[in-house]
Amino acid sequence: MHRAKTRAKKSPRLDSRCNVQSQGILMKLNNNQAAPYLGVAPLTLRNSRSTGLLCGVATPRYRKIGRRVVYERRTLDEWLDQFQEVGNTAEARINNLGTYI
């Protein structure tokens, strides 16, 4: 009888050069780390660098270091701050907010 080989699920590779920490918080994020932080899929974030749009607005700024893409957490926070917080969908409609995260 053949045994099915099971592979351990690999965690996303963390590049030590991207993991500058300040008080235990990553300050530089690669694409796979930044995407969930922004609430989008990694492929969506990657494609947005070509289209220039993410969630209907300009993409967050990033650094290209060789082949690596690095996002500053501060830049991602600033990008997220452009979206107004709302309590519910009706409130968003009342405020005429056209872009949702």
N, C-alpha and C. Protein backbone atom coordinates (compact mmCIF):
# COMPACT_ATOMS: atom_id res chain seq x y z
N MET A 1 0.84 -1.17 0.00
CA MET A 1 0.00 0.00 0.00
C MET A 1 0.89 1.24 0.00
N HIS A 2 0.56 2.18 -0.86
CA HIS A 2 1.32 3.42 -0.94
C HIS A 2 0.81 4.43 0.06
N ARG A 3 1.72 5.06 0.68
CA ARG A 3 1.36 6.11 1.62
C ARG A 3 1.33 7.45 0.89
N ALA A 4 0.28 8.18 1.10
CA ALA A 4 0.22 9.52 0.50
C ALA A 4 1.21 10.42 1.21
N LYS A 5 2.01 11.09 0.43
CA LYS A 5 2.97 12.00 1.01
C LYS A 5 2.26 13.30 1.37
N THR A 6 2.46 13.74 2.55
CA THR A 6 1.88 15.02 2.95
C THR A 6 3.02 15.99 3.17
N ARG A 7 2.85 17.14 2.62
CA ARG A 7 3.86 18.18 2.79
C ARG A 7 3.40 19.15 3.84
N ALA A 8 4.33 19.56 4.63
CA ALA A 8 4.02 20.60 5.60
C ALA A 8 3.79 21.89 4.84
N LYS A 9 2.78 22.60 5.22
CA LYS A 9 2.48 23.87 4.56
C LYS A 9 3.60 24.85 4.86
N LYS A 10 4.15 25.39 3.80
CA LYS A 10 5.25 26.33 3.97
C LYS A 10 4.71 27.68 4.39
N SER A 11 5.37 28.27 5.34
CA SER A 11 5.01 29.64 5.69
C SER A 11 5.67 30.56 4.67
N PRO A 12 5.09 31.75 4.46
CA PRO A 12 5.72 32.67 3.51
C PRO A 12 7.16 32.94 3.91
N ARG A 13 8.04 32.94 2.93
CA ARG A 13 9.46 33.16 3.20
C ARG A 13 9.66 34.59 3.67
N LEU A 14 10.27 34.72 4.78
CA LEU A 14 10.55 36.05 5.30
C LEU A 14 12.00 36.38 5.01
N ASP A 15 12.21 37.36 4.22
CA ASP A 15 13.55 37.79 3.86
C ASP A 15 14.09 38.64 5.00
N SER A 16 15.18 38.21 5.59
CA SER A 16 15.71 38.90 6.76
C SER A 16 16.07 40.35 6.46
N ARG A 17 16.37 40.67 5.20
CA ARG A 17 16.70 42.04 4.86
C ARG A 17 15.47 42.93 4.91
N CYS A 18 14.27 42.36 4.80
CA CYS A 18 13.04 43.14 4.82
C CYS A 18 12.48 43.26 6.22
N ASN A 19 13.01 42.51 7.16
CA ASN A 19 12.40 42.42 8.47
C ASN A 19 13.08 43.29 9.51
N VAL A 20 13.18 44.56 9.24
CA VAL A 20 13.70 45.48 10.22
C VAL A 20 12.60 45.67 11.26
N GLN A 21 12.92 45.40 12.51
CA GLN A 21 11.89 45.46 13.54
C GLN A 21 12.11 46.63 14.47
N SER A 22 10.99 47.22 14.88
CA SER A 22 11.00 48.26 15.88
C SER A 22 9.98 47.85 16.93
N GLN A 23 10.43 47.51 18.10
CA GLN A 23 9.57 47.06 19.19
C GLN A 23 8.73 45.86 18.76
N GLY A 24 9.33 44.94 18.01
CA GLY A 24 8.64 43.72 17.61
C GLY A 24 7.71 43.87 16.41
N ILE A 25 7.66 45.04 15.79
CA ILE A 25 6.78 45.27 14.65
C ILE A 25 7.64 45.40 13.39
N LEU A 26 7.28 44.63 12.35
CA LEU A 26 8.01 44.73 11.09
C LEU A 26 7.79 46.11 10.48
N MET A 27 8.86 46.78 10.11
CA MET A 27 8.76 48.12 9.55
C MET A 27 8.82 48.10 8.03
N LYS A 28 9.43 47.06 7.46
CA LYS A 28 9.51 46.90 6.02
C LYS A 28 8.85 45.57 5.67
N LEU A 29 7.92 45.60 4.71
CA LEU A 29 7.16 44.41 4.36
C LEU A 29 7.36 44.07 2.90
N ASN A 30 7.48 42.78 2.60
CA ASN A 30 7.53 42.37 1.20
C ASN A 30 6.09 42.26 0.69
N ASN A 31 5.90 41.90 -0.56
CA ASN A 31 4.58 41.85 -1.17
C ASN A 31 3.62 40.93 -0.40
N ASN A 32 4.10 39.74 -0.02
CA ASN A 32 3.25 38.77 0.66
C ASN A 32 2.90 39.19 2.09
N GLN A 33 3.67 40.05 2.68
CA GLN A 33 3.37 40.56 4.02
C GLN A 33 2.49 41.80 3.94
N ALA A 34 2.71 42.64 2.93
CA ALA A 34 1.96 43.88 2.80
C ALA A 34 0.52 43.64 2.36
N ALA A 35 0.30 42.63 1.52
CA ALA A 35 -1.04 42.39 0.97
C ALA A 35 -2.08 42.15 2.07
N PRO A 36 -1.89 41.20 2.99
CA PRO A 36 -2.90 41.03 4.04
C PRO A 36 -3.01 42.25 4.95
N TYR A 37 -1.93 42.97 5.13
CA TYR A 37 -1.97 44.20 5.94
C TYR A 37 -2.93 45.20 5.31
N LEU A 38 -2.98 45.23 3.96
CA LEU A 38 -3.88 46.14 3.25
C LEU A 38 -5.25 45.52 3.00
N GLY A 39 -5.37 44.23 3.23
CA GLY A 39 -6.66 43.57 3.03
C GLY A 39 -6.91 43.14 1.59
N VAL A 40 -5.84 42.88 0.85
CA VAL A 40 -5.97 42.42 -0.54
C VAL A 40 -5.12 41.16 -0.73
N ALA A 41 -5.33 40.48 -1.83
CA ALA A 41 -4.54 39.30 -2.15
C ALA A 41 -3.16 39.72 -2.65
N PRO A 42 -2.14 38.90 -2.41
CA PRO A 42 -0.79 39.23 -2.89
C PRO A 42 -0.75 39.47 -4.40
N LEU A 43 -1.48 38.69 -5.18
CA LEU A 43 -1.48 38.89 -6.63
C LEU A 43 -2.14 40.22 -7.00
N THR A 44 -3.16 40.61 -6.28
CA THR A 44 -3.82 41.90 -6.52
C THR A 44 -2.84 43.04 -6.28
N LEU A 45 -2.10 42.96 -5.18
CA LEU A 45 -1.11 44.00 -4.88
C LEU A 45 -0.02 44.03 -5.94
N ARG A 46 0.42 42.86 -6.35
CA ARG A 46 1.46 42.77 -7.39
C ARG A 46 0.97 43.39 -8.70
N ASN A 47 -0.26 43.03 -9.11
CA ASN A 47 -0.81 43.59 -10.35
C ASN A 47 -1.02 45.09 -10.26
N SER A 48 -1.33 45.57 -9.08
CA SER A 48 -1.58 47.01 -8.92
C SER A 48 -0.33 47.84 -9.21
N ARG A 49 0.84 47.26 -9.03
CA ARG A 49 2.06 47.99 -9.35
C ARG A 49 2.18 48.26 -10.84
N SER A 50 1.54 47.42 -11.66
CA SER A 50 1.55 47.64 -13.12
C SER A 50 0.43 48.58 -13.54
N THR A 51 -0.74 48.41 -12.93
CA THR A 51 -1.90 49.22 -13.33
C THR A 51 -1.88 50.61 -12.71
N GLY A 52 -1.24 50.73 -11.53
CA GLY A 52 -1.20 52.02 -10.85
C GLY A 52 -2.41 52.26 -9.97
N LEU A 53 -3.34 51.29 -9.93
CA LEU A 53 -4.56 51.46 -9.12
C LEU A 53 -4.74 50.28 -8.17
N LEU A 54 -5.16 50.59 -6.95
CA LEU A 54 -5.51 49.58 -5.97
C LEU A 54 -6.71 50.12 -5.21
N CYS A 55 -7.80 49.38 -5.22
CA CYS A 55 -9.05 49.81 -4.57
C CYS A 55 -9.53 51.14 -5.13
N GLY A 56 -9.29 51.37 -6.41
CA GLY A 56 -9.79 52.57 -7.08
C GLY A 56 -8.96 53.82 -6.89
N VAL A 57 -7.84 53.72 -6.20
CA VAL A 57 -6.96 54.88 -5.99
C VAL A 57 -5.52 54.49 -6.35
N ALA A 58 -4.64 55.48 -6.37
CA ALA A 58 -3.23 55.22 -6.71
C ALA A 58 -2.62 54.24 -5.71
N THR A 59 -1.76 53.37 -6.20
CA THR A 59 -1.14 52.34 -5.36
C THR A 59 -0.22 52.96 -4.31
N PRO A 60 0.00 52.25 -3.21
CA PRO A 60 0.97 52.75 -2.24
C PRO A 60 2.38 52.73 -2.82
N ARG A 61 3.20 53.67 -2.40
CA ARG A 61 4.57 53.76 -2.90
C ARG A 61 5.39 52.61 -2.33
N TYR A 62 6.40 52.19 -3.07
CA TYR A 62 7.25 51.08 -2.65
C TYR A 62 8.67 51.32 -3.14
N ARG A 63 9.58 50.52 -2.62
CA ARG A 63 10.97 50.59 -3.07
C ARG A 63 11.28 49.31 -3.84
N LYS A 64 11.98 49.46 -4.92
CA LYS A 64 12.44 48.32 -5.71
C LYS A 64 13.94 48.20 -5.45
N ILE A 65 14.32 47.13 -4.79
CA ILE A 65 15.72 46.90 -4.46
C ILE A 65 16.14 45.64 -5.20
N GLY A 66 16.79 45.82 -6.34
CA GLY A 66 17.08 44.69 -7.20
C GLY A 66 15.77 44.13 -7.72
N ARG A 67 15.51 42.86 -7.43
CA ARG A 67 14.25 42.24 -7.83
C ARG A 67 13.20 42.29 -6.73
N ARG A 68 13.63 42.72 -5.55
CA ARG A 68 12.71 42.73 -4.40
C ARG A 68 11.88 44.00 -4.35
N VAL A 69 10.67 43.86 -3.88
CA VAL A 69 9.78 44.99 -3.65
C VAL A 69 9.59 45.10 -2.14
N VAL A 70 9.78 46.30 -1.61
CA VAL A 70 9.67 46.52 -0.18
C VAL A 70 8.73 47.70 0.08
N TYR A 71 7.77 47.48 0.96
CA TYR A 71 6.84 48.54 1.37
C TYR A 71 7.19 48.98 2.79
N GLU A 72 7.24 50.27 3.02
CA GLU A 72 7.43 50.80 4.37
C GLU A 72 6.07 50.76 5.06
N ARG A 73 6.03 50.27 6.28
CA ARG A 73 4.77 50.19 7.02
C ARG A 73 4.15 51.58 7.16
N ARG A 74 4.98 52.59 7.38
CA ARG A 74 4.50 53.96 7.51
C ARG A 74 3.77 54.40 6.25
N THR A 75 4.31 54.03 5.08
CA THR A 75 3.69 54.38 3.80
C THR A 75 2.36 53.67 3.64
N LEU A 76 2.29 52.40 4.06
CA LEU A 76 1.04 51.66 3.97
C LEU A 76 -0.01 52.27 4.89
N ASP A 77 0.41 52.69 6.08
CA ASP A 77 -0.53 53.33 7.01
C ASP A 77 -1.06 54.64 6.43
N GLU A 78 -0.19 55.42 5.81
CA GLU A 78 -0.62 56.67 5.17
C GLU A 78 -1.60 56.39 4.04
N TRP A 79 -1.33 55.34 3.26
CA TRP A 79 -2.22 54.98 2.16
C TRP A 79 -3.59 54.57 2.70
N LEU A 80 -3.62 53.79 3.77
CA LEU A 80 -4.88 53.37 4.36
C LEU A 80 -5.66 54.54 4.97
N ASP A 81 -4.95 55.54 5.46
CA ASP A 81 -5.59 56.70 6.10
C ASP A 81 -6.44 57.52 5.14
N GLN A 82 -6.22 57.37 3.83
CA GLN A 82 -7.02 58.15 2.88
C GLN A 82 -8.46 57.66 2.80
N PHE A 83 -8.72 56.45 3.33
CA PHE A 83 -10.07 55.91 3.31
C PHE A 83 -10.77 56.29 4.61
N GLN A 84 -11.97 56.83 4.48
CA GLN A 84 -12.72 57.25 5.65
C GLN A 84 -13.33 56.04 6.35
N GLU A 85 -13.25 56.02 7.66
CA GLU A 85 -13.86 54.94 8.43
C GLU A 85 -15.36 55.20 8.51
N VAL A 86 -16.14 54.14 8.33
CA VAL A 86 -17.59 54.24 8.44
C VAL A 86 -18.10 53.12 9.32
N GLY A 87 -19.28 53.34 9.90
CA GLY A 87 -19.86 52.35 10.79
C GLY A 87 -20.63 51.27 10.05
N ASN A 88 -21.18 51.62 8.88
CA ASN A 88 -21.94 50.65 8.10
C ASN A 88 -22.06 51.13 6.65
N THR A 89 -22.59 50.28 5.79
CA THR A 89 -22.67 50.59 4.37
C THR A 89 -23.59 51.78 4.10
N ALA A 90 -24.67 51.88 4.85
CA ALA A 90 -25.60 53.00 4.66
C ALA A 90 -24.91 54.32 4.94
N GLU A 91 -24.09 54.36 5.96
CA GLU A 91 -23.34 55.57 6.29
C GLU A 91 -22.39 55.93 5.15
N ALA A 92 -21.78 54.92 4.55
CA ALA A 92 -20.87 55.17 3.43
C ALA A 92 -21.63 55.78 2.26
N ARG A 93 -22.84 55.28 2.00
CA ARG A 93 -23.66 55.82 0.91
C ARG A 93 -24.07 57.25 1.19
N ILE A 94 -24.45 57.52 2.44
CA ILE A 94 -24.86 58.87 2.82
C ILE A 94 -23.71 59.84 2.62
N ASN A 95 -22.51 59.42 2.99
CA ASN A 95 -21.32 60.26 2.84
C ASN A 95 -20.80 60.28 1.41
N ASN A 96 -21.45 59.52 0.54
CA ASN A 96 -21.09 59.47 -0.89
C ASN A 96 -19.65 59.00 -1.10
N LEU A 97 -19.25 57.97 -0.37
CA LEU A 97 -17.92 57.40 -0.53
C LEU A 97 -17.98 56.36 -1.62
N GLY A 98 -17.28 56.56 -2.69
CA GLY A 98 -17.34 55.66 -3.82
C GLY A 98 -16.38 54.49 -3.73
N THR A 99 -15.37 54.56 -2.90
CA THR A 99 -14.36 53.52 -2.84
C THR A 99 -14.43 52.81 -1.51
N TYR A 100 -14.53 51.50 -1.57
CA TYR A 100 -14.56 50.69 -0.37
C TYR A 100 -13.31 49.83 -0.33
N ILE A 101 -12.85 49.52 0.87
CA ILE A 101 -11.74 48.58 1.03
C ILE A 101 -12.36 47.24 1.24
